[in-house]
Amino acid sequence: THPDGVNKEQSSSYHRFVLDFFSQLIVLKRKSGSGVGAQQELLIERMFEYASMLQGGGNESPQIGDSDDARGIPFPEFGHVDFSDLVSTGAGIFGRDELRSRAPEIRAQSVWLLGPAIADRDRSSEGRIEHPEPTYFEAGGMMRLPGLLPECSADLLFDVGDLGLWPNAAHGHADALSVVVRVAGRAMLIDPGTGTYFGSPAARDAFRKTASHNTITVDGFDQADIFDTFKWVNPFRIVGENFFAGKRYTYGVAGHNGYRRLRNPVSHYRSVVSTGRGEWAIYDIVTGVGEHRLELNYHFRPEDNVHRTADTGVSVVDPQSGYR
């Protein structure tokens, strides 16, 4: 785990899997009177902060990297994208009411770990509309740019993290500089997730590829090379990261060198600006030599209303909230 609390697998699902075990460890050590140590407590608390940020204000976390239903607790309550039981537990362990605001209620897992008294604590923050704060997990490589909508939660997650935990990056995807957009607790611009581990090798590879994420491919190549089911080679490196959070806007920028391995090498840089009122501007720059074919991909939910506009853009309407 990175010092800022982000699991090095670059996978939201595996972050939760590890934190399931740490949740039990810290509770058991506290009950024994020994504790886990100040540094370890701080790291675990930061892991809960990251899990809470992934959960956001809704009932699903983005499926960053490999995602499955593996859990480290004996009775998981929810599917693999709902982190609210974990967030509820972290709020109880550390007394963090602002974490509890991202869980609709005290969950059974929290009561099982912490006892029934947890259900009697102050619930004034439960169900409260969360207005996200600008956040940068620098070591783990995740920027959160709020959308500044007064009536609901809205944010953009900007992935500026490494490929995964080496030597294989087994559970990472080639998703450098990809973005996810969430409005009213629901993702409108999504990460498609994993698909399968051992079903179809072609499907497994397709979900790991760069084209399956909200970023740019060059000449049809991925940002790194798939070697087998759980292994990558020629990893990219993130460069030039910067993050600014002001009163009127939030700005993030980063680049990667994954396409420097091409015969005519190029570099991809992306800047994202939150301009307020649920609007983000994304600027892509590709620098290098030679002629190249660039493909910009954005992925939406199958059930959302996506229409091509008169120009080169698209219009998307969330059928639940009506946001466009």
C-alpha atoms as a PDB file:
ATOM      1  CA  THR A   1       0.000   0.000   0.000  1.00  0.00           C
ATOM      2  CA  HIS A   2       1.250   3.477  -0.880  1.00  0.00           C
ATOM      3  CA  PRO A   3       1.813   5.961   1.996  1.00  0.00           C
ATOM      4  CA  ASP A   4      -1.341   7.857   0.952  1.00  0.00           C
ATOM      5  CA  GLY A   5      -3.468   4.720   1.480  1.00  0.00           C
ATOM      6  CA  VAL A   6      -3.899   3.542  -2.129  1.00  0.00           C
ATOM      7  CA  ASN A   7      -3.304  -0.145  -2.820  1.00  0.00           C
ATOM      8  CA  LYS A   8      -0.440  -0.693  -5.260  1.00  0.00           C
ATOM      9  CA  GLU A   9      -2.420  -3.161  -7.400  1.00  0.00           C
ATOM     10  CA  GLN A  10      -4.145  -0.118  -8.988  1.00  0.00           C
ATOM     11  CA  SER A  11      -7.452  -1.934  -8.521  1.00  0.00           C
ATOM     12  CA  SER A  12     -10.431  -0.623  -6.557  1.00  0.00           C
ATOM     13  CA  SER A  13     -11.641  -4.174  -5.887  1.00  0.00           C
ATOM     14  CA  TYR A  14      -8.316  -5.385  -4.502  1.00  0.00           C
ATOM     15  CA  HIS A  15      -8.039  -2.237  -2.406  1.00  0.00           C
ATOM     16  CA  ARG A  16     -11.280  -3.248  -0.701  1.00  0.00           C
ATOM     17  CA  PHE A  17     -10.187  -6.899  -0.430  1.00  0.00           C
ATOM     18  CA  VAL A  18      -7.024  -5.941   1.489  1.00  0.00           C
ATOM     19  CA  LEU A  19      -8.915  -3.442   3.649  1.00  0.00           C
ATOM     20  CA  ASP A  20     -11.419  -6.151   4.639  1.00  0.00           C
ATOM     21  CA  PHE A  21      -8.551  -7.951   6.394  1.00  0.00           C
ATOM     22  CA  PHE A  22      -7.063  -4.794   7.888  1.00  0.00           C
ATOM     23  CA  SER A  23     -10.497  -3.868   9.307  1.00  0.00           C
ATOM     24  CA  GLN A  24     -10.579  -7.086  11.316  1.00  0.00           C
ATOM     25  CA  LEU A  25      -6.934  -6.773  12.313  1.00  0.00           C
ATOM     26  CA  ILE A  26      -7.240  -3.273  13.757  1.00  0.00           C
ATOM     27  CA  VAL A  27     -10.426  -4.133  15.703  1.00  0.00           C
ATOM     28  CA  LEU A  28      -8.935  -7.328  17.149  1.00  0.00           C
ATOM     29  CA  LYS A  29      -5.678  -5.602  18.107  1.00  0.00           C
ATOM     30  CA  ARG A  30      -7.569  -2.795  19.826  1.00  0.00           C
ATOM     31  CA  LYS A  31      -9.668  -5.289  21.784  1.00  0.00           C
ATOM     32  CA  SER A  32      -6.515  -7.099  22.876  1.00  0.00           C
ATOM     33  CA  GLY A  33      -5.137  -3.814  24.183  1.00  0.00           C
ATOM     34  CA  SER A  34      -2.035  -3.857  22.017  1.00  0.00           C
ATOM     35  CA  GLY A  35      -3.062  -1.905  18.923  1.00  0.00           C
ATOM     36  CA  VAL A  36      -1.336  -2.019  15.541  1.00  0.00           C
ATOM     37  CA  GLY A  37       0.923   1.000  16.052  1.00  0.00           C
ATOM     38  CA  ALA A  38       0.442   4.664  15.183  1.00  0.00           C
ATOM     39  CA  GLN A  39       1.917   4.440  11.678  1.00  0.00           C
ATOM     40  CA  GLN A  40      -0.201   1.429  10.764  1.00  0.00           C
ATOM     41  CA  GLU A  41      -3.360   3.041  12.142  1.00  0.00           C
ATOM     42  CA  LEU A  42      -2.711   6.142  10.051  1.00  0.00           C
ATOM     43  CA  LEU A  43      -2.146   4.065   6.913  1.00  0.00           C
ATOM     44  CA  ILE A  44      -5.352   2.060   7.468  1.00  0.00           C
ATOM     45  CA  GLU A  45      -7.302   5.276   8.057  1.00  0.00           C
ATOM     46  CA  ARG A  46      -5.970   6.641   4.770  1.00  0.00           C
ATOM     47  CA  MET A  47      -7.050   3.416   3.058  1.00  0.00           C
ATOM     48  CA  PHE A  48     -10.574   4.048   4.340  1.00  0.00           C
ATOM     49  CA  GLU A  49     -10.405   7.630   3.056  1.00  0.00           C
ATOM     50  CA  TYR A  50      -9.527   6.361  -0.414  1.00  0.00           C
ATOM     51  CA  ALA A  51     -12.286   3.716  -0.299  1.00  0.00           C
ATOM     52  CA  SER A  52     -14.728   6.413   0.786  1.00  0.00           C
ATOM     53  CA  MET A  53     -13.655   8.654  -2.100  1.00  0.00           C
ATOM     54  CA  LEU A  54     -14.168   5.771  -4.532  1.00  0.00           C
ATOM     55  CA  GLN A  55     -17.650   5.189  -3.123  1.00  0.00           C
ATOM     56  CA  GLY A  56     -18.520   8.853  -3.534  1.00  0.00           C
ATOM     57  CA  GLY A  57     -22.089   9.837  -2.847  1.00  0.00           C
ATOM     58  CA  GLY A  58     -23.797   6.827  -4.454  1.00  0.00           C
ATOM     59  CA  ASN A  59     -23.974   3.065  -4.144  1.00  0.00           C
ATOM     60  CA  GLU A  60     -21.200   2.058  -6.515  1.00  0.00           C
ATOM     61  CA  SER A  61     -17.466   2.426  -6.858  1.00  0.00           C
ATOM     62  CA  PRO A  62     -15.735   2.630 -10.256  1.00  0.00           C
ATOM     63  CA  GLN A  63     -14.301  -0.681 -11.434  1.00  0.00           C
ATOM     64  CA  ILE A  64     -10.715   0.519 -11.773  1.00  0.00           C
ATOM     65  CA  GLY A  65      -8.315  -2.266 -12.697  1.00  0.00           C
ATOM     66  CA  ASP A  66      -9.324  -5.877 -12.099  1.00  0.00           C
ATOM     67  CA  SER A  67     -12.554  -6.260 -10.164  1.00  0.00           C
ATOM     68  CA  ASP A  68     -14.286  -9.344  -8.801  1.00  0.00           C
ATOM     69  CA  ASP A  69     -16.415 -10.313  -5.798  1.00  0.00           C
ATOM     70  CA  ALA A  70     -13.582 -11.543  -3.535  1.00  0.00           C
ATOM     71  CA  ARG A  71     -14.037 -10.402   0.075  1.00  0.00           C
ATOM     72  CA  GLY A  72     -12.047 -10.846   3.256  1.00  0.00           C
ATOM     73  CA  ILE A  73     -15.066 -10.912   5.592  1.00  0.00           C
ATOM     74  CA  PRO A  74     -17.364 -13.890   6.304  1.00  0.00           C
ATOM     75  CA  PHE A  75     -20.640 -12.425   5.062  1.00  0.00           C
ATOM     76  CA  PRO A  76     -20.400  -9.780   2.335  1.00  0.00           C
ATOM     77  CA  GLU A  77     -23.608  -7.790   2.066  1.00  0.00           C
ATOM     78  CA  PHE A  78     -23.271  -6.184  -1.327  1.00  0.00           C
ATOM     79  CA  GLY A  79     -22.021  -6.646  -4.852  1.00  0.00           C
ATOM     80  CA  HIS A  80     -18.479  -5.891  -5.888  1.00  0.00           C
ATOM     81  CA  VAL A  81     -19.114  -2.234  -6.782  1.00  0.00           C
ATOM     82  CA  ASP A  82     -20.843  -1.208  -3.522  1.00  0.00           C
ATOM     83  CA  PHE A  83     -18.308  -0.169  -0.872  1.00  0.00           C
ATOM     84  CA  SER A  84     -20.855   1.261   1.600  1.00  0.00           C
ATOM     85  CA  ASP A  85     -20.391  -1.572   4.122  1.00  0.00           C
ATOM     86  CA  LEU A  86     -16.655  -0.915   4.166  1.00  0.00           C
ATOM     87  CA  VAL A  87     -17.119   2.862   4.418  1.00  0.00           C
ATOM     88  CA  SER A  88     -19.600   2.413   7.284  1.00  0.00           C
ATOM     89  CA  THR A  89     -17.039   0.275   9.112  1.00  0.00           C
ATOM     90  CA  GLY A  90     -14.234   2.800   8.609  1.00  0.00           C
ATOM     91  CA  ALA A  91     -16.454   5.583   9.951  1.00  0.00           C
ATOM     92  CA  GLY A  92     -17.070   3.511  13.075  1.00  0.00           C
ATOM     93  CA  ILE A  93     -13.458   2.483  13.637  1.00  0.00           C
ATOM     94  CA  PHE A  94     -12.083   6.000  13.374  1.00  0.00           C
ATOM     95  CA  GLY A  95     -15.134   8.043  14.437  1.00  0.00           C
ATOM     96  CA  ARG A  96     -15.266   9.806  11.083  1.00  0.00           C
ATOM     97  CA  ASP A  97     -18.822  11.062  10.536  1.00  0.00           C
ATOM     98  CA  GLU A  98     -17.923  12.524   7.148  1.00  0.00           C
ATOM     99  CA  LEU A  99     -17.133   8.987   5.974  1.00  0.00           C
ATOM    100  CA  ARG A 100     -20.485   7.797   7.247  1.00  0.00           C
ATOM    101  CA  SER A 101     -22.229  10.389   5.062  1.00  0.00           C
ATOM    102  CA  ARG A 102     -21.222   8.243   2.065  1.00  0.00           C
ATOM    103  CA  ALA A 103     -22.942   5.141   3.515  1.00  0.00           C
ATOM    104  CA  PRO A 104     -26.765   5.226   3.567  1.00  0.00           C
ATOM    105  CA  GLU A 105     -26.889   3.558   6.997  1.00  0.00           C
ATOM    106  CA  ILE A 106     -24.887   1.572   9.539  1.00  0.00           C
ATOM    107  CA  ARG A 107     -24.194  -1.749   7.841  1.00  0.00           C
ATOM    108  CA  ALA A 108     -24.341  -5.260   9.310  1.00  0.00           C
ATOM    109  CA  GLN A 109     -20.613  -5.709   8.741  1.00  0.00           C
ATOM    110  CA  SER A 110     -19.964  -2.684  10.970  1.00  0.00           C
ATOM    111  CA  VAL A 111     -22.153  -4.062  13.768  1.00  0.00           C
ATOM    112  CA  TRP A 112     -20.488  -7.502  13.483  1.00  0.00           C
ATOM    113  CA  LEU A 113     -17.022  -5.964  13.838  1.00  0.00           C
ATOM    114  CA  LEU A 114     -17.694  -3.128  16.289  1.00  0.00           C
ATOM    115  CA  GLY A 115     -20.712  -4.285  18.290  1.00  0.00           C
ATOM    116  CA  PRO A 116     -24.292  -3.033  18.491  1.00  0.00           C
ATOM    117  CA  ALA A 117     -23.272   0.237  20.143  1.00  0.00           C
ATOM    118  CA  ILE A 118     -22.092   1.476  16.754  1.00  0.00           C
ATOM    119  CA  ALA A 119     -25.723   1.619  15.644  1.00  0.00           C
ATOM    120  CA  ASP A 120     -26.534   4.090  18.440  1.00  0.00           C
ATOM    121  CA  ARG A 121     -23.947   6.677  17.471  1.00  0.00           C
ATOM    122  CA  ASP A 122     -24.809  10.034  15.955  1.00  0.00           C
ATOM    123  CA  ARG A 123     -26.383   9.523  12.535  1.00  0.00           C
ATOM    124  CA  SER A 124     -26.842  13.149  11.591  1.00  0.00           C
ATOM    125  CA  SER A 125     -24.487  12.786   8.638  1.00  0.00           C
ATOM    126  CA  GLU A 126     -26.093   9.666   7.157  1.00  0.00           C
ATOM    127  CA  GLY A 127     -27.715  10.200   3.783  1.00  0.00           C
ATOM    128  CA  ARG A 128     -26.422  13.762   3.606  1.00  0.00           C
ATOM    129  CA  ILE A 129     -25.697  15.085   0.118  1.00  0.00           C
ATOM    130  CA  GLU A 130     -21.943  15.033  -0.289  1.00  0.00           C
ATOM    131  CA  HIS A 131     -20.285  17.949  -2.022  1.00  0.00           C
ATOM    132  CA  PRO A 132     -16.877  16.553  -2.973  1.00  0.00           C
ATOM    133  CA  GLU A 133     -13.662  18.325  -2.084  1.00  0.00           C
ATOM    134  CA  PRO A 134     -10.730  18.456  -4.527  1.00  0.00           C
ATOM    135  CA  THR A 135      -8.443  15.556  -3.643  1.00  0.00           C
ATOM    136  CA  TYR A 136      -5.128  14.247  -4.945  1.00  0.00           C
ATOM    137  CA  PHE A 137      -3.760  10.879  -3.870  1.00  0.00           C
ATOM    138  CA  GLU A 138      -0.312  11.628  -5.228  1.00  0.00           C
ATOM    139  CA  ALA A 139       1.490   8.340  -4.559  1.00  0.00           C
ATOM    140  CA  GLY A 140      -1.460   6.216  -5.665  1.00  0.00           C
ATOM    141  CA  GLY A 141      -2.171   8.386  -8.696  1.00  0.00           C
ATOM    142  CA  MET A 142      -5.799   9.517  -8.427  1.00  0.00           C
ATOM    143  CA  MET A 143      -7.176  13.051  -8.731  1.00  0.00           C
ATOM    144  CA  ARG A 144     -10.721  14.015  -7.786  1.00  0.00           C
ATOM    145  CA  LEU A 145     -12.125  17.148  -9.427  1.00  0.00           C
ATOM    146  CA  PRO A 146     -15.501  18.212  -7.984  1.00  0.00           C
ATOM    147  CA  GLY A 147     -18.356  19.257 -10.236  1.00  0.00           C
ATOM    148  CA  LEU A 148     -19.722  21.952  -7.894  1.00  0.00           C
ATOM    149  CA  LEU A 149     -23.416  21.195  -8.346  1.00  0.00           C
ATOM    150  CA  PRO A 150     -25.342  22.580  -5.345  1.00  0.00           C
ATOM    151  CA  GLU A 151     -28.209  20.105  -5.597  1.00  0.00           C
ATOM    152  CA  CYS A 152     -26.246  16.847  -5.774  1.00  0.00           C
ATOM    153  CA  SER A 153     -22.855  15.189  -5.657  1.00  0.00           C
ATOM    154  CA  ALA A 154     -20.793  15.424  -8.865  1.00  0.00           C
ATOM    155  CA  ASP A 155     -17.149  14.647  -9.530  1.00  0.00           C
ATOM    156  CA  LEU A 156     -14.564  13.480 -12.056  1.00  0.00           C
ATOM    157  CA  LEU A 157     -11.860  10.937 -11.182  1.00  0.00           C
ATOM    158  CA  PHE A 158      -8.631  11.349 -13.154  1.00  0.00           C
ATOM    159  CA  ASP A 159      -6.403   8.256 -13.144  1.00  0.00           C
ATOM    160  CA  VAL A 160      -2.730   9.255 -13.133  1.00  0.00           C
ATOM    161  CA  GLY A 161      -1.463   6.071 -11.479  1.00  0.00           C
ATOM    162  CA  ASP A 162       1.054   3.446 -12.514  1.00  0.00           C
ATOM    163  CA  LEU A 163       0.124   0.272 -14.386  1.00  0.00           C
ATOM    164  CA  GLY A 164       0.136  -1.871 -11.241  1.00  0.00           C
ATOM    165  CA  LEU A 165       2.218  -3.749  -8.686  1.00  0.00           C
ATOM    166  CA  TRP A 166       5.387  -5.147 -10.231  1.00  0.00           C
ATOM    167  CA  PRO A 167       6.929  -7.461 -11.371  1.00  0.00           C
ATOM    168  CA  ASN A 168       3.731  -8.379 -13.277  1.00  0.00           C
ATOM    169  CA  ALA A 169       1.127  -5.628 -12.670  1.00  0.00           C
ATOM    170  CA  ALA A 170      -1.248  -8.599 -12.533  1.00  0.00           C
ATOM    171  CA  HIS A 171      -4.413  -6.658 -11.740  1.00  0.00           C
ATOM    172  CA  GLY A 172      -3.733  -3.328 -13.431  1.00  0.00           C
ATOM    173  CA  HIS A 173      -5.225  -2.161 -16.715  1.00  0.00           C
ATOM    174  CA  ALA A 174      -3.694   0.030 -19.443  1.00  0.00           C
ATOM    175  CA  ASP A 175      -5.803   2.991 -18.300  1.00  0.00           C
ATOM    176  CA  ALA A 176      -3.342   5.854 -17.903  1.00  0.00           C
ATOM    177  CA  LEU A 177      -5.052   9.284 -17.934  1.00  0.00           C
ATOM    178  CA  SER A 178      -8.524   7.719 -18.066  1.00  0.00           C
ATOM    179  CA  VAL A 179     -11.431   9.583 -16.456  1.00  0.00           C
ATOM    180  CA  VAL A 180     -14.694   8.600 -14.750  1.00  0.00           C
ATOM    181  CA  VAL A 181     -17.555  11.090 -14.305  1.00  0.00           C
ATOM    182  CA  ARG A 182     -20.238  10.689 -11.623  1.00  0.00           C
ATOM    183  CA  VAL A 183     -23.371  12.783 -11.147  1.00  0.00           C
ATOM    184  CA  ALA A 184     -25.994  12.319  -8.430  1.00  0.00           C
ATOM    185  CA  GLY A 185     -24.183   9.234  -7.157  1.00  0.00           C
ATOM    186  CA  ARG A 186     -24.194   7.446 -10.508  1.00  0.00           C
ATOM    187  CA  ALA A 187     -21.410   7.061 -13.060  1.00  0.00           C
ATOM    188  CA  MET A 188     -22.222   8.526 -16.470  1.00  0.00           C
ATOM    189  CA  LEU A 189     -18.730   8.087 -17.932  1.00  0.00           C
ATOM    190  CA  ILE A 190     -17.676   4.621 -16.779  1.00  0.00           C
ATOM    191  CA  ASP A 191     -14.812   2.169 -16.523  1.00  0.00           C
ATOM    192  CA  PRO A 192     -16.184  -1.058 -18.093  1.00  0.00           C
ATOM    193  CA  GLY A 193     -14.397  -3.216 -15.508  1.00  0.00           C
ATOM    194  CA  THR A 194     -12.959  -6.712 -15.973  1.00  0.00           C
ATOM    195  CA  GLY A 195     -15.345  -8.911 -17.940  1.00  0.00           C
ATOM    196  CA  THR A 196     -13.698 -12.228 -17.063  1.00  0.00           C
ATOM    197  CA  TYR A 197     -10.544 -13.752 -15.617  1.00  0.00           C
ATOM    198  CA  PHE A 198     -10.551 -17.259 -17.096  1.00  0.00           C
ATOM    199  CA  GLY A 199     -13.541 -17.413 -19.445  1.00  0.00           C
ATOM    200  CA  SER A 200     -12.396 -16.055 -22.785  1.00  0.00           C
ATOM    201  CA  PRO A 201      -8.755 -14.906 -23.196  1.00  0.00           C
ATOM    202  CA  ALA A 202      -9.882 -12.501 -25.917  1.00  0.00           C
ATOM    203  CA  ALA A 203     -12.518 -10.962 -23.639  1.00  0.00           C
ATOM    204  CA  ARG A 204     -10.034 -10.801 -20.763  1.00  0.00           C
ATOM    205  CA  ASP A 205      -7.563  -8.884 -22.913  1.00  0.00           C
ATOM    206  CA  ALA A 206     -10.240  -6.634 -24.414  1.00  0.00           C
ATOM    207  CA  PHE A 207     -11.281  -5.266 -21.023  1.00  0.00           C
ATOM    208  CA  ARG A 208      -7.659  -4.644 -19.997  1.00  0.00           C
ATOM    209  CA  LYS A 209      -6.771  -2.748 -23.160  1.00  0.00           C
ATOM    210  CA  THR A 210      -6.401   0.995 -23.451  1.00  0.00           C
ATOM    211  CA  ALA A 211      -9.335   1.235 -25.886  1.00  0.00           C
ATOM    212  CA  SER A 212     -11.669   0.030 -23.114  1.00  0.00           C
ATOM    213  CA  HIS A 213     -10.897   3.112 -21.039  1.00  0.00           C
ATOM    214  CA  ASN A 214     -11.669   6.792 -21.408  1.00  0.00           C
ATOM    215  CA  THR A 215      -8.351   7.848 -22.885  1.00  0.00           C
ATOM    216  CA  ILE A 216      -6.394   7.894 -26.191  1.00  0.00           C
ATOM    217  CA  THR A 217      -4.855   5.066 -28.199  1.00  0.00           C
ATOM    218  CA  VAL A 218      -2.107   5.658 -30.778  1.00  0.00           C
ATOM    219  CA  ASP A 219      -1.993   3.546 -33.952  1.00  0.00           C
ATOM    220  CA  GLY A 220      -4.191   0.923 -32.280  1.00  0.00           C
ATOM    221  CA  PHE A 221      -1.567   0.093 -29.638  1.00  0.00           C
ATOM    222  CA  ASP A 222      -2.061  -0.244 -25.894  1.00  0.00           C
ATOM    223  CA  GLN A 223      -0.055   1.849 -23.448  1.00  0.00           C
ATOM    224  CA  ALA A 224       1.794  -1.353 -22.431  1.00  0.00           C
ATOM    225  CA  ASP A 225       2.056  -4.878 -23.871  1.00  0.00           C
ATOM    226  CA  ILE A 226      -0.081  -7.782 -22.613  1.00  0.00           C
ATOM    227  CA  PHE A 227       2.093 -10.850 -21.944  1.00  0.00           C
ATOM    228  CA  ASP A 228      -0.433 -13.316 -20.512  1.00  0.00           C
ATOM    229  CA  THR A 229      -3.583 -13.464 -18.358  1.00  0.00           C
ATOM    230  CA  PHE A 230      -1.988 -11.746 -15.369  1.00  0.00           C
ATOM    231  CA  LYS A 231       1.142 -10.148 -16.728  1.00  0.00           C
ATOM    232  CA  TRP A 232       2.221  -7.000 -18.586  1.00  0.00           C
ATOM    233  CA  VAL A 233       5.564  -5.983 -20.096  1.00  0.00           C
ATOM    234  CA  ASN A 234       6.937  -2.620 -21.293  1.00  0.00           C
ATOM    235  CA  PRO A 235       5.068  -0.628 -18.633  1.00  0.00           C
ATOM    236  CA  PHE A 236       4.347   3.064 -19.061  1.00  0.00           C
ATOM    237  CA  ARG A 237       5.574   5.725 -16.671  1.00  0.00           C
ATOM    238  CA  ILE A 238       3.470   8.696 -15.566  1.00  0.00           C
ATOM    239  CA  VAL A 239       5.215  12.055 -16.028  1.00  0.00           C
ATOM    240  CA  GLY A 240       4.534  15.730 -15.383  1.00  0.00           C
ATOM    241  CA  GLU A 241       1.774  15.394 -12.797  1.00  0.00           C
ATOM    242  CA  ASN A 242       0.411  18.603 -11.304  1.00  0.00           C
ATOM    243  CA  PHE A 243      -2.715  19.404  -9.314  1.00  0.00           C
ATOM    244  CA  PHE A 244      -4.236  22.740  -8.325  1.00  0.00           C
ATOM    245  CA  ALA A 245      -7.346  23.326  -6.239  1.00  0.00           C
ATOM    246  CA  GLY A 246      -8.609  26.901  -6.138  1.00  0.00           C
ATOM    247  CA  LYS A 247     -11.818  28.562  -5.026  1.00  0.00           C
ATOM    248  CA  ARG A 248     -13.300  28.769  -8.537  1.00  0.00           C
ATOM    249  CA  TYR A 249     -11.831  25.778 -10.355  1.00  0.00           C
ATOM    250  CA  THR A 250      -9.732  22.616  -9.962  1.00  0.00           C
ATOM    251  CA  TYR A 251      -7.038  21.620 -12.435  1.00  0.00           C
ATOM    252  CA  GLY A 252      -5.090  18.401 -12.980  1.00  0.00           C
ATOM    253  CA  VAL A 253      -2.489  17.471 -15.598  1.00  0.00           C
ATOM    254  CA  ALA A 254      -0.301  14.437 -16.314  1.00  0.00           C
ATOM    255  CA  GLY A 255       1.337  12.568 -19.170  1.00  0.00           C
ATOM    256  CA  HIS A 256       2.697   9.094 -19.852  1.00  0.00           C
ATOM    257  CA  ASN A 257       5.469   7.611 -21.971  1.00  0.00           C
ATOM    258  CA  GLY A 258       3.725   4.385 -23.018  1.00  0.00           C
ATOM    259  CA  TYR A 259       3.892   5.279 -26.704  1.00  0.00           C
ATOM    260  CA  ARG A 260       7.564   6.218 -26.635  1.00  0.00           C
ATOM    261  CA  ARG A 261       8.238   2.554 -27.505  1.00  0.00           C
ATOM    262  CA  LEU A 262       6.737   3.024 -31.014  1.00  0.00           C
ATOM    263  CA  ARG A 263       9.045   3.287 -34.024  1.00  0.00           C
ATOM    264  CA  ASN A 264       7.971   6.932 -34.299  1.00  0.00           C
ATOM    265  CA  PRO A 265       7.610   7.693 -30.573  1.00  0.00           C
ATOM    266  CA  VAL A 266       5.016  10.068 -29.144  1.00  0.00           C
ATOM    267  CA  SER A 267       3.942  11.237 -25.687  1.00  0.00           C
ATOM    268  CA  HIS A 268       0.382  11.802 -24.482  1.00  0.00           C
ATOM    269  CA  TYR A 269      -0.463  14.617 -22.058  1.00  0.00           C
ATOM    270  CA  ARG A 270      -3.928  15.348 -20.662  1.00  0.00           C
ATOM    271  CA  SER A 271      -5.220  18.346 -18.730  1.00  0.00           C
ATOM    272  CA  VAL A 272      -8.586  18.346 -16.944  1.00  0.00           C
ATOM    273  CA  VAL A 273     -10.261  21.479 -15.588  1.00  0.00           C
ATOM    274  CA  SER A 274     -13.377  21.561 -13.420  1.00  0.00           C
ATOM    275  CA  THR A 275     -15.115  24.775 -14.407  1.00  0.00           C
ATOM    276  CA  GLY A 276     -18.067  24.444 -12.033  1.00  0.00           C
ATOM    277  CA  ARG A 277     -21.781  23.643 -12.380  1.00  0.00           C
ATOM    278  CA  GLY A 278     -21.027  20.044 -13.343  1.00  0.00           C
ATOM    279  CA  GLU A 279     -18.741  20.917 -16.260  1.00  0.00           C
ATOM    280  CA  TRP A 280     -15.246  19.648 -17.014  1.00  0.00           C
ATOM    281  CA  ALA A 281     -12.965  20.522 -19.908  1.00  0.00           C
ATOM    282  CA  ILE A 282     -10.488  17.867 -21.080  1.00  0.00           C
ATOM    283  CA  TYR A 283      -7.501  18.824 -23.261  1.00  0.00           C
ATOM    284  CA  ASP A 284      -5.331  16.167 -24.922  1.00  0.00           C
ATOM    285  CA  ILE A 285      -1.929  16.843 -26.468  1.00  0.00           C
ATOM    286  CA  VAL A 286       0.086  14.203 -28.330  1.00  0.00           C
ATOM    287  CA  THR A 287       3.639  15.225 -29.240  1.00  0.00           C
ATOM    288  CA  GLY A 288       6.192  13.364 -31.341  1.00  0.00           C
ATOM    289  CA  VAL A 289       7.247  12.644 -34.903  1.00  0.00           C
ATOM    290  CA  GLY A 290       5.631  11.035 -37.932  1.00  0.00           C
ATOM    291  CA  GLU A 291       1.980  10.443 -38.851  1.00  0.00           C
ATOM    292  CA  HIS A 292      -0.217   8.597 -36.366  1.00  0.00           C
ATOM    293  CA  ARG A 293      -3.825   7.505 -35.976  1.00  0.00           C
ATOM    294  CA  LEU A 294      -5.309   8.741 -32.714  1.00  0.00           C
ATOM    295  CA  GLU A 295      -8.488   7.286 -31.256  1.00  0.00           C
ATOM    296  CA  LEU A 296     -10.278   8.990 -28.371  1.00  0.00           C
ATOM    297  CA  ASN A 297     -12.606   6.644 -26.483  1.00  0.00           C
ATOM    298  CA  TYR A 298     -15.425   7.416 -24.056  1.00  0.00           C
ATOM    299  CA  HIS A 299     -17.573   4.670 -22.494  1.00  0.00           C
ATOM    300  CA  PHE A 300     -21.142   5.104 -21.277  1.00  0.00           C
ATOM    301  CA  ARG A 301     -23.709   2.807 -19.720  1.00  0.00           C
ATOM    302  CA  PRO A 302     -25.670   0.709 -22.226  1.00  0.00           C
ATOM    303  CA  GLU A 303     -28.956   1.999 -20.831  1.00  0.00           C
ATOM    304  CA  ASP A 304     -28.061   5.692 -21.101  1.00  0.00           C
ATOM    305  CA  ASN A 305     -29.396   7.783 -23.952  1.00  0.00           C
ATOM    306  CA  VAL A 306     -26.398   8.553 -26.170  1.00  0.00           C
ATOM    307  CA  HIS A 307     -26.951  10.588 -29.338  1.00  0.00           C
ATOM    308  CA  ARG A 308     -24.504  11.949 -31.878  1.00  0.00           C
ATOM    309  CA  THR A 309     -24.807  15.706 -32.254  1.00  0.00           C
ATOM    310  CA  ALA A 310     -24.538  17.644 -35.509  1.00  0.00           C
ATOM    311  CA  ASP A 311     -20.822  18.176 -34.997  1.00  0.00           C
ATOM    312  CA  THR A 312     -18.281  15.593 -33.801  1.00  0.00           C
ATOM    313  CA  GLY A 313     -19.688  15.391 -30.279  1.00  0.00           C
ATOM    314  CA  VAL A 314     -22.282  13.316 -28.468  1.00  0.00           C
ATOM    315  CA  SER A 315     -25.110  14.099 -26.089  1.00  0.00           C
ATOM    316  CA  VAL A 316     -25.731  11.780 -23.130  1.00  0.00           C
ATOM    317  CA  VAL A 317     -28.731  11.855 -20.790  1.00  0.00           C
ATOM    318  CA  ASP A 318     -28.831   9.989 -17.483  1.00  0.00           C
ATOM    319  CA  PRO A 319     -32.310   8.366 -17.441  1.00  0.00           C
ATOM    320  CA  GLN A 320     -32.478   8.449 -13.633  1.00  0.00           C
ATOM    321  CA  SER A 321     -31.478  12.035 -12.834  1.00  0.00           C
ATOM    322  CA  GLY A 322     -32.084  13.654 -16.217  1.00  0.00           C
ATOM    323  CA  TYR A 323     -28.636  15.274 -16.181  1.00  0.00           C
ATOM    324  CA  ARG A 324     -27.076  15.828 -19.588  1.00  0.00           C
END
